[in-house]
Each structure stands twice: as structure tokens, then as C-alpha cells.
Protein backbone atom coordinates (compact mmCIF):
# COMPACT_ATOMS: atom_id res chain seq x y z
CA UNK A 1 -50.21 -3.90 24.48
CA UNK A 2 -46.52 -3.31 25.61
CA UNK A 3 -45.76 0.28 26.03
CA UNK A 4 -43.09 2.03 23.79
CA UNK A 5 -39.92 2.97 25.93
CA UNK A 6 -39.42 6.65 26.07
CA UNK A 7 -37.79 9.30 28.27
CA UNK A 8 -34.02 9.13 29.50
CA UNK A 9 -33.41 5.66 28.85
CA UNK A 10 -34.02 5.95 25.07
CA UNK A 11 -32.41 9.34 24.65
CA UNK A 12 -29.24 7.88 26.45
CA UNK A 13 -29.21 4.92 24.12
CA UNK A 14 -29.48 7.30 21.00
CA UNK A 15 -27.02 9.62 22.29
CA UNK A 16 -24.47 6.71 23.08
CA UNK A 17 -24.96 5.44 19.54
CA UNK A 18 -24.41 8.69 17.81
CA UNK A 19 -21.25 9.48 19.97
CA UNK A 20 -19.90 6.11 19.12
CA UNK A 21 -20.56 6.72 15.38
CA UNK A 22 -18.95 10.32 15.60
CA UNK A 23 -15.86 8.95 17.44
CA UNK A 24 -15.21 6.22 14.90
CA UNK A 25 -15.52 8.85 12.14
CA UNK A 26 -13.31 11.20 13.85
CA UNK A 27 -10.59 8.66 14.71
CA UNK A 28 -10.57 7.06 11.36
CA UNK A 29 -12.04 3.77 12.48
CA UNK A 30 -15.01 3.74 10.18
CA UNK A 31 -14.88 1.49 7.40
CA UNK A 32 -13.78 3.18 4.34
CA UNK A 33 -15.26 1.49 1.38
CA UNK A 34 -12.82 3.16 -1.11
CA UNK A 35 -9.69 2.36 0.84
CA UNK A 36 -7.08 0.18 -0.65
CA UNK A 37 -7.07 -3.17 1.07
CA UNK A 38 -4.32 -3.58 3.67
CA UNK A 39 -3.22 -6.75 2.00
CA UNK A 40 -2.74 -5.25 -1.58
CA UNK A 41 0.39 -3.86 -2.68
CA UNK A 42 -0.97 -0.35 -2.22
CA UNK A 43 -1.70 -0.96 1.51
CA UNK A 44 1.36 -2.59 2.43
CA UNK A 45 4.54 -1.02 4.20
CA UNK A 46 8.08 -0.82 3.09
CA UNK A 47 9.86 -4.07 4.18
CA UNK A 48 6.66 -6.26 3.11
CA UNK A 49 7.61 -9.35 1.11
CA UNK A 50 5.24 -10.44 -1.79
CA UNK A 51 4.11 -13.53 -3.59
CA UNK A 52 2.65 -13.23 -6.96
CA UNK A 53 4.58 -10.35 -8.39
CA UNK A 54 5.26 -12.26 -11.41
CA UNK A 55 1.47 -12.67 -12.44
CA UNK A 56 0.06 -9.14 -11.54
CA UNK A 57 1.96 -6.78 -9.12
CA UNK A 58 -1.30 -5.29 -8.05
CA UNK A 59 -2.64 -8.40 -6.81
CA UNK A 60 0.56 -9.70 -5.05
CA UNK A 61 -0.21 -11.26 -1.46
CA UNK A 62 2.09 -10.36 1.70
CA UNK A 63 4.26 -13.17 2.95
CA UNK A 64 6.80 -13.80 5.71
CA UNK A 65 10.32 -12.64 4.31
CA UNK A 66 11.66 -15.78 5.76
CA UNK A 67 9.93 -17.80 3.10
CA UNK A 68 10.53 -18.04 -0.52
CA UNK A 69 8.85 -14.94 -2.10
CA UNK A 70 8.67 -12.89 -5.47
CA UNK A 71 9.43 -9.43 -4.32
CA UNK A 72 9.94 -6.98 -1.41
CA UNK A 73 8.50 -3.44 -1.20
CA UNK A 74 11.56 -1.11 -0.59
CA UNK A 75 10.37 2.35 -1.04
CA UNK A 76 7.09 4.40 -1.13
CA UNK A 77 7.31 7.40 -3.17
CA UNK A 78 4.29 10.09 -2.95
CA UNK A 79 3.32 12.27 -5.94
CA UNK A 80 2.32 15.91 -5.60
CA UNK A 81 -1.49 16.62 -5.66
CA UNK A 82 -3.08 17.49 -9.06
CA UNK A 83 -4.75 16.07 -11.95
CA UNK A 84 -4.07 12.46 -12.83
CA UNK A 85 -0.73 12.60 -15.02
CA UNK A 86 -1.62 9.63 -16.90
CA UNK A 87 0.05 6.04 -16.72
CA UNK A 88 3.03 6.71 -19.02
CA UNK A 89 4.13 9.70 -16.88
CA UNK A 90 3.77 7.83 -13.71
CA UNK A 91 5.52 4.97 -14.92
CA UNK A 92 8.52 7.16 -15.91
CA UNK A 93 8.43 9.06 -12.75
CA UNK A 94 8.33 5.53 -10.93
CA UNK A 95 11.35 4.37 -12.64
CA UNK A 96 13.24 7.50 -11.83
CA UNK A 97 12.33 7.83 -8.18
CA UNK A 98 12.46 4.05 -7.22
CA UNK A 99 15.89 3.85 -8.92
CA UNK A 100 17.20 6.58 -6.65
CA UNK A 101 15.52 4.73 -3.55
CA UNK A 102 16.91 1.39 -4.44
CA UNK A 103 20.46 1.93 -3.28
CA UNK A 104 19.32 3.37 0.01
CA UNK A 105 17.47 0.32 0.82
CA UNK A 106 19.56 -2.66 -0.74
CA UNK A 107 22.86 -1.04 -0.41
CA UNK A 108 23.97 -1.01 -4.02
CA UNK A 109 23.00 1.09 -7.10
CA UNK A 110 20.26 -0.50 -8.96
CA UNK A 111 22.44 -0.38 -12.31
CA UNK A 112 25.04 -2.60 -10.46
CA UNK A 113 22.60 -4.88 -8.80
CA UNK A 114 21.72 -8.44 -9.65
CA UNK A 115 17.99 -7.49 -8.60
CA UNK A 116 15.64 -5.71 -10.58
CA UNK A 117 12.97 -3.15 -9.83
CA UNK A 118 9.26 -3.11 -10.52
CA UNK A 119 6.70 -0.50 -9.56
CA UNK A 120 2.95 -0.35 -8.89
CA UNK A 121 1.46 2.86 -9.64
CA UNK A 122 -2.10 4.20 -8.77
CA UNK A 123 -4.82 3.92 -11.37
CA UNK A 124 -6.94 6.88 -12.47
CA UNK A 125 -9.62 5.59 -10.28
CA UNK A 126 -7.29 5.34 -7.22
CA UNK A 127 -5.90 8.67 -7.91
CA UNK A 128 -9.37 10.23 -8.28
CA UNK A 129 -11.41 8.31 -5.82
CA UNK A 130 -9.07 7.43 -3.06
CA UNK A 131 -6.55 10.35 -3.32
CA UNK A 132 -3.83 7.78 -3.70
CA UNK A 133 -0.52 9.44 -4.80
CA UNK A 134 1.83 6.66 -3.87
CA UNK A 135 4.13 4.73 -6.19
CA UNK A 136 5.25 1.40 -4.65
CA UNK A 137 8.76 0.31 -5.43
CA UNK A 138 9.54 -3.46 -5.39
CA UNK A 139 12.78 -5.31 -5.63
CA UNK A 140 12.53 -8.73 -7.44
CA UNK A 141 15.17 -11.30 -8.24
CA UNK A 142 15.03 -11.97 -11.94
CA UNK A 143 16.12 -15.43 -11.40
CA UNK A 144 13.33 -16.54 -9.27
CA UNK A 145 12.17 -16.46 -5.74
CA UNK A 146 14.47 -15.30 -2.80
CA UNK A 147 14.45 -15.93 0.92
CA UNK A 148 15.02 -13.47 3.52
CA UNK A 149 15.10 -9.55 3.23
CA UNK A 150 17.07 -7.67 0.51
CA UNK A 151 17.50 -4.86 2.79
CA UNK A 152 21.21 -3.88 3.16
CA UNK A 153 22.37 -7.00 1.26
CA UNK A 154 24.22 -5.14 -1.44
CA UNK A 155 22.91 -7.67 -3.97
């Protein structure tokens, strides 16, 4: 009958596993099953270009800006903590805030631009479970796809 390992070797292995798990949790490297996927609109950075914004903005896929694409994230606005304000209030805030950020990124006022803006706001579930307070501002060309970034184009 084989003997069961014990002693310092088992203790070192258990300690190493526990230390690795603790380090992953402390550095944020552990998988968060509630986090927004990095390739969803809510997980992308300003400057990311998107395909599929016409169908469902929340499921648009990132793409290279040098390829024809449907939209570009030009700003992210973070709402204050608190209770979920409701989708209507979030959308009103998004239009106001994203309208103000548009000129900084594109180089012309939204009302004078040939581009339009659209937004992605957190759902009640994202607000509550993920503590997601970010509104994503996206520039789109109403005539169809565009190639290249819209940053500084004054379009």
C-alpha cells in the first residue's frame, strides 16, 4: 500500500497554492465572472472602432480602425454612485455628457458635425452587480461605414 505524502513537502505545496490564489485575488488577476467582457462595448477603451453598431450597440465587436467600421468610442463618462437612476435618466445624461465630449475628440461641435453620436448605458443588472457606472459615447457616420479614426477630423 503506497504511503500518503505528509510533512514539509505537502505543507510547502499547500502554502504555494494558497499564496498563488491570494496573489491573484490581490492583484485583480483572478477571473471575475461578473466583469464586462473585454470585447464588449463596455470593456473597450476610448479610440476603439466597432462593427455592428447598427444592429445592437451592446454587442458591437471591436475592429481595426483602418478597416471599414460602423462606429468609434470617443469618450467614457462615469456616473456617480447611488441607486440605479433608470434607463430614461441615463439616456438623457448620456446625450448631454456625450454631446459635450464630442467636440474634444472629433474637433467640431456635435450639432455642426456630419457624424452622429450614439451611447451605451449600463443596464440595471450591470449597475447593481458589476458596479458599472460608465456611459460609452460612440461616433457613427449616418451614411454608412467609415475608414480611419474620426479623432481630430473635424467631420
